[in-house]
């Protein structure tokens, strides 16, 4: 379980390139209205949801690591005789590592959210200090910015995707 020591201050990573999940137009309008402070019940629900996802991801990482140590991958890598087979073996290893990396990044976001919960800052925008709407938190419980601040952040830091292959 993550360290939730409330003496440590924790906010969103200012260079985090993983914006929250997109909201539909009605959610944007709700977000722009002054959201109400979360109730203790809502906070408890988000806490449980974050903990459940945390443990789910830890298990997925464990399974991915076990799979990467699987003899099938080792066997495939040692049997490689041509470039096509070698490419498939490399792709499988890269895909596995990408999944693990993605899971670990999400675990870090959850860990940061649990720390904010312990400090009493969960649901408060790390940039402007205003409350993050319940709708936004339901869509992405690790949100650390309100919709407006996330849009500003995305324009500053998120680069458009580049085609690969």
C-alpha atoms as a PDB file:
ATOM      1  CA  UNK A   1       0.000   0.000   0.000  1.00  0.00           C
ATOM      2  CA  UNK A   2       1.332   3.477  -0.768  1.00  0.00           C
ATOM      3  CA  UNK A   3       2.784   5.766   1.871  1.00  0.00           C
ATOM      4  CA  UNK A   4      -0.025   8.090   2.925  1.00  0.00           C
ATOM      5  CA  UNK A   5       1.967  10.048   5.491  1.00  0.00           C
ATOM      6  CA  UNK A   6       0.086  13.371   5.751  1.00  0.00           C
ATOM      7  CA  UNK A   7       3.252  15.260   6.733  1.00  0.00           C
ATOM      8  CA  UNK A   8       4.504  15.061   3.178  1.00  0.00           C
ATOM      9  CA  UNK A   9       3.013  17.514   0.724  1.00  0.00           C
ATOM     10  CA  UNK A  10       1.974  16.055  -2.602  1.00  0.00           C
ATOM     11  CA  UNK A  11       0.397  17.584  -5.663  1.00  0.00           C
ATOM     12  CA  UNK A  12       0.076  16.595  -9.282  1.00  0.00           C
ATOM     13  CA  UNK A  13       3.248  16.245 -11.235  1.00  0.00           C
ATOM     14  CA  UNK A  14       3.389  19.528 -13.143  1.00  0.00           C
ATOM     15  CA  UNK A  15       4.924  17.771 -16.147  1.00  0.00           C
ATOM     16  CA  UNK A  16       2.531  14.827 -16.140  1.00  0.00           C
ATOM     17  CA  UNK A  17       1.692  14.097 -19.756  1.00  0.00           C
ATOM     18  CA  UNK A  18      -1.324  11.927 -18.961  1.00  0.00           C
ATOM     19  CA  UNK A  19      -4.382  14.184 -19.021  1.00  0.00           C
ATOM     20  CA  UNK A  20      -7.627  13.040 -17.456  1.00  0.00           C
ATOM     21  CA  UNK A  21     -10.136  11.185 -19.549  1.00  0.00           C
ATOM     22  CA  UNK A  22     -12.141  13.475 -21.833  1.00  0.00           C
ATOM     23  CA  UNK A  23     -15.485  14.685 -20.588  1.00  0.00           C
ATOM     24  CA  UNK A  24     -18.579  15.094 -22.720  1.00  0.00           C
ATOM     25  CA  UNK A  25     -20.008  18.593 -23.347  1.00  0.00           C
ATOM     26  CA  UNK A  26     -22.492  18.432 -20.458  1.00  0.00           C
ATOM     27  CA  UNK A  27     -19.649  17.421 -18.124  1.00  0.00           C
ATOM     28  CA  UNK A  28     -17.635  20.425 -19.279  1.00  0.00           C
ATOM     29  CA  UNK A  29     -20.531  22.719 -18.401  1.00  0.00           C
ATOM     30  CA  UNK A  30     -20.917  21.078 -14.981  1.00  0.00           C
ATOM     31  CA  UNK A  31     -17.175  21.382 -14.397  1.00  0.00           C
ATOM     32  CA  UNK A  32     -17.169  25.086 -15.174  1.00  0.00           C
ATOM     33  CA  UNK A  33     -19.926  25.710 -12.619  1.00  0.00           C
ATOM     34  CA  UNK A  34     -18.645  25.973  -9.047  1.00  0.00           C
ATOM     35  CA  UNK A  35     -18.538  22.344  -7.843  1.00  0.00           C
ATOM     36  CA  UNK A  36     -19.592  21.525  -4.302  1.00  0.00           C
ATOM     37  CA  UNK A  37     -17.137  20.135  -1.781  1.00  0.00           C
ATOM     38  CA  UNK A  38     -17.148  16.329  -1.611  1.00  0.00           C
ATOM     39  CA  UNK A  39     -19.031  14.704   1.247  1.00  0.00           C
ATOM     40  CA  UNK A  40     -17.384  12.200   3.604  1.00  0.00           C
ATOM     41  CA  UNK A  41     -19.383   9.434   1.911  1.00  0.00           C
ATOM     42  CA  UNK A  42     -18.140  10.474  -1.552  1.00  0.00           C
ATOM     43  CA  UNK A  43     -14.561  10.660  -0.285  1.00  0.00           C
ATOM     44  CA  UNK A  44     -14.893   7.157   1.211  1.00  0.00           C
ATOM     45  CA  UNK A  45     -16.254   5.838  -2.104  1.00  0.00           C
ATOM     46  CA  UNK A  46     -13.395   7.392  -4.098  1.00  0.00           C
ATOM     47  CA  UNK A  47     -10.902   6.061  -1.531  1.00  0.00           C
ATOM     48  CA  UNK A  48     -12.254   2.518  -1.921  1.00  0.00           C
ATOM     49  CA  UNK A  49     -12.321   2.827  -5.714  1.00  0.00           C
ATOM     50  CA  UNK A  50      -8.695   4.020  -5.752  1.00  0.00           C
ATOM     51  CA  UNK A  51      -7.559   1.244  -3.390  1.00  0.00           C
ATOM     52  CA  UNK A  52      -9.360  -1.426  -5.430  1.00  0.00           C
ATOM     53  CA  UNK A  53      -7.747  -0.205  -8.649  1.00  0.00           C
ATOM     54  CA  UNK A  54      -4.350   0.037  -6.915  1.00  0.00           C
ATOM     55  CA  UNK A  55      -4.455  -3.631  -5.901  1.00  0.00           C
ATOM     56  CA  UNK A  56      -5.845  -4.671  -9.282  1.00  0.00           C
ATOM     57  CA  UNK A  57      -2.939  -2.953 -11.052  1.00  0.00           C
ATOM     58  CA  UNK A  58      -0.374  -4.444  -8.686  1.00  0.00           C
ATOM     59  CA  UNK A  59      -1.701  -7.897  -9.537  1.00  0.00           C
ATOM     60  CA  UNK A  60      -1.614  -7.108 -13.274  1.00  0.00           C
ATOM     61  CA  UNK A  61       2.019  -5.962 -12.984  1.00  0.00           C
ATOM     62  CA  UNK A  62       2.855  -9.135 -11.069  1.00  0.00           C
ATOM     63  CA  UNK A  63       1.199 -11.255 -13.772  1.00  0.00           C
ATOM     64  CA  UNK A  64       2.994  -9.352 -16.550  1.00  0.00           C
ATOM     65  CA  UNK A  65       6.337  -9.869 -14.804  1.00  0.00           C
ATOM     66  CA  UNK A  66       5.621 -13.561 -14.380  1.00  0.00           C
ATOM     67  CA  UNK A  67       4.629 -13.776 -18.032  1.00  0.00           C
ATOM     68  CA  UNK A  68       7.806 -11.991 -19.121  1.00  0.00           C
ATOM     69  CA  UNK A  69       9.793 -14.612 -17.259  1.00  0.00           C
ATOM     70  CA  UNK A  70       7.801 -17.328 -19.002  1.00  0.00           C
ATOM     71  CA  UNK A  71       9.880 -19.947 -20.776  1.00  0.00           C
ATOM     72  CA  UNK A  72       7.849 -19.438 -23.968  1.00  0.00           C
ATOM     73  CA  UNK A  73       9.439 -16.023 -24.466  1.00  0.00           C
ATOM     74  CA  UNK A  74      12.870 -17.397 -23.683  1.00  0.00           C
ATOM     75  CA  UNK A  75      12.283 -20.345 -26.014  1.00  0.00           C
ATOM     76  CA  UNK A  76      11.074 -18.067 -28.802  1.00  0.00           C
ATOM     77  CA  UNK A  77      14.096 -15.806 -28.382  1.00  0.00           C
ATOM     78  CA  UNK A  78      16.557 -18.740 -28.479  1.00  0.00           C
ATOM     79  CA  UNK A  79      14.866 -20.373 -31.491  1.00  0.00           C
ATOM     80  CA  UNK A  80      14.913 -17.231 -33.602  1.00  0.00           C
ATOM     81  CA  UNK A  81      16.399 -18.007 -36.974  1.00  0.00           C
ATOM     82  CA  UNK A  82      15.193 -15.236 -39.212  1.00  0.00           C
ATOM     83  CA  UNK A  83      14.507 -11.518 -39.018  1.00  0.00           C
ATOM     84  CA  UNK A  84      10.709 -11.956 -38.949  1.00  0.00           C
ATOM     85  CA  UNK A  85      10.826 -14.302 -35.946  1.00  0.00           C
ATOM     86  CA  UNK A  86      13.314 -11.991 -34.231  1.00  0.00           C
ATOM     87  CA  UNK A  87      10.981  -9.036 -34.814  1.00  0.00           C
ATOM     88  CA  UNK A  88       8.056 -10.940 -33.304  1.00  0.00           C
ATOM     89  CA  UNK A  89      10.136 -11.828 -30.237  1.00  0.00           C
ATOM     90  CA  UNK A  90      11.261  -8.193 -29.823  1.00  0.00           C
ATOM     91  CA  UNK A  91       7.690  -6.966 -30.270  1.00  0.00           C
ATOM     92  CA  UNK A  92       6.364  -9.316 -27.570  1.00  0.00           C
ATOM     93  CA  UNK A  93       9.013  -8.151 -25.107  1.00  0.00           C
ATOM     94  CA  UNK A  94       8.387  -4.464 -25.929  1.00  0.00           C
ATOM     95  CA  UNK A  95       4.623  -4.905 -25.643  1.00  0.00           C
ATOM     96  CA  UNK A  96       4.974  -6.545 -22.257  1.00  0.00           C
ATOM     97  CA  UNK A  97       7.270  -3.773 -20.998  1.00  0.00           C
ATOM     98  CA  UNK A  98       4.902  -1.083 -22.305  1.00  0.00           C
ATOM     99  CA  UNK A  99       2.000  -2.661 -20.399  1.00  0.00           C
ATOM    100  CA  UNK A 100       4.044  -2.786 -17.205  1.00  0.00           C
ATOM    101  CA  UNK A 101       5.133   0.836 -17.667  1.00  0.00           C
ATOM    102  CA  UNK A 102       1.534   1.957 -18.229  1.00  0.00           C
ATOM    103  CA  UNK A 103       0.373   0.097 -15.109  1.00  0.00           C
ATOM    104  CA  UNK A 104       3.177   1.574 -13.005  1.00  0.00           C
ATOM    105  CA  UNK A 105       2.323   5.102 -14.160  1.00  0.00           C
ATOM    106  CA  UNK A 106      -1.306   4.558 -13.172  1.00  0.00           C
ATOM    107  CA  UNK A 107      -0.205   3.157  -9.790  1.00  0.00           C
ATOM    108  CA  UNK A 108       1.816   6.357  -9.236  1.00  0.00           C
ATOM    109  CA  UNK A 109      -1.242   8.480 -10.060  1.00  0.00           C
ATOM    110  CA  UNK A 110      -3.338   6.445  -7.614  1.00  0.00           C
ATOM    111  CA  UNK A 111      -0.623   6.707  -4.964  1.00  0.00           C
ATOM    112  CA  UNK A 112      -0.610  10.508  -5.380  1.00  0.00           C
ATOM    113  CA  UNK A 113      -4.417  10.567  -5.107  1.00  0.00           C
ATOM    114  CA  UNK A 114      -4.351   8.484  -1.916  1.00  0.00           C
ATOM    115  CA  UNK A 115      -1.787  10.875  -0.446  1.00  0.00           C
ATOM    116  CA  UNK A 116      -4.023  13.834  -1.321  1.00  0.00           C
ATOM    117  CA  UNK A 117      -6.913  11.971   0.355  1.00  0.00           C
ATOM    118  CA  UNK A 118      -4.863  11.474   3.533  1.00  0.00           C
ATOM    119  CA  UNK A 119      -3.884  15.154   3.526  1.00  0.00           C
ATOM    120  CA  UNK A 120      -7.442  16.337   2.947  1.00  0.00           C
ATOM    121  CA  UNK A 121      -6.622  17.788  -0.485  1.00  0.00           C
ATOM    122  CA  UNK A 122      -8.399  15.223  -2.647  1.00  0.00           C
ATOM    123  CA  UNK A 123     -10.872  16.822  -5.040  1.00  0.00           C
ATOM    124  CA  UNK A 124      -9.085  20.168  -4.915  1.00  0.00           C
ATOM    125  CA  UNK A 125      -7.352  21.455  -8.065  1.00  0.00           C
ATOM    126  CA  UNK A 126      -3.578  21.475  -7.600  1.00  0.00           C
ATOM    127  CA  UNK A 127      -3.251  24.571  -9.797  1.00  0.00           C
ATOM    128  CA  UNK A 128      -6.077  26.949  -8.795  1.00  0.00           C
ATOM    129  CA  UNK A 129      -7.228  25.402  -5.506  1.00  0.00           C
ATOM    130  CA  UNK A 130     -10.885  25.192  -6.577  1.00  0.00           C
ATOM    131  CA  UNK A 131     -12.929  22.019  -6.119  1.00  0.00           C
ATOM    132  CA  UNK A 132     -12.825  19.429  -8.909  1.00  0.00           C
ATOM    133  CA  UNK A 133     -16.331  18.382  -9.910  1.00  0.00           C
ATOM    134  CA  UNK A 134     -17.661  15.050  -8.742  1.00  0.00           C
ATOM    135  CA  UNK A 135     -18.451  14.224 -12.389  1.00  0.00           C
ATOM    136  CA  UNK A 136     -14.790  14.652 -13.365  1.00  0.00           C
ATOM    137  CA  UNK A 137     -13.629  12.550 -10.418  1.00  0.00           C
ATOM    138  CA  UNK A 138     -16.114   9.812 -11.322  1.00  0.00           C
ATOM    139  CA  UNK A 139     -14.666   9.694 -14.846  1.00  0.00           C
ATOM    140  CA  UNK A 140     -11.073   9.840 -13.600  1.00  0.00           C
ATOM    141  CA  UNK A 141     -10.622   9.463  -9.820  1.00  0.00           C
ATOM    142  CA  UNK A 142      -6.942  10.419 -10.111  1.00  0.00           C
ATOM    143  CA  UNK A 143      -7.747  13.867 -11.542  1.00  0.00           C
ATOM    144  CA  UNK A 144      -5.704  16.488  -9.769  1.00  0.00           C
ATOM    145  CA  UNK A 145      -6.838  19.486 -11.814  1.00  0.00           C
ATOM    146  CA  UNK A 146     -10.206  21.018 -12.579  1.00  0.00           C
ATOM    147  CA  UNK A 147     -11.303  20.941 -16.198  1.00  0.00           C
ATOM    148  CA  UNK A 148     -10.125  24.493 -16.977  1.00  0.00           C
ATOM    149  CA  UNK A 149      -6.674  24.043 -15.433  1.00  0.00           C
ATOM    150  CA  UNK A 150      -6.268  20.644 -17.140  1.00  0.00           C
ATOM    151  CA  UNK A 151      -7.014  22.261 -20.515  1.00  0.00           C
ATOM    152  CA  UNK A 152      -4.367  24.930 -19.839  1.00  0.00           C
ATOM    153  CA  UNK A 153      -1.916  22.229 -18.722  1.00  0.00           C
ATOM    154  CA  UNK A 154      -2.582  20.141 -21.831  1.00  0.00           C
ATOM    155  CA  UNK A 155      -1.984  23.107 -24.132  1.00  0.00           C
ATOM    156  CA  UNK A 156       1.361  23.792 -22.432  1.00  0.00           C
ATOM    157  CA  UNK A 157       2.712  20.270 -22.033  1.00  0.00           C
ATOM    158  CA  UNK A 158       0.908  17.681 -24.163  1.00  0.00           C
ATOM    159  CA  UNK A 159       2.323  17.228 -27.614  1.00  0.00           C
ATOM    160  CA  UNK A 160       0.176  15.935 -30.470  1.00  0.00           C
ATOM    161  CA  UNK A 161       0.603  12.250 -31.148  1.00  0.00           C
ATOM    162  CA  UNK A 162       2.935  11.156 -33.874  1.00  0.00           C
ATOM    163  CA  UNK A 163       2.179   8.345 -36.243  1.00  0.00           C
ATOM    164  CA  UNK A 164       4.319   5.287 -35.812  1.00  0.00           C
ATOM    165  CA  UNK A 165       4.999   2.669 -38.436  1.00  0.00           C
END
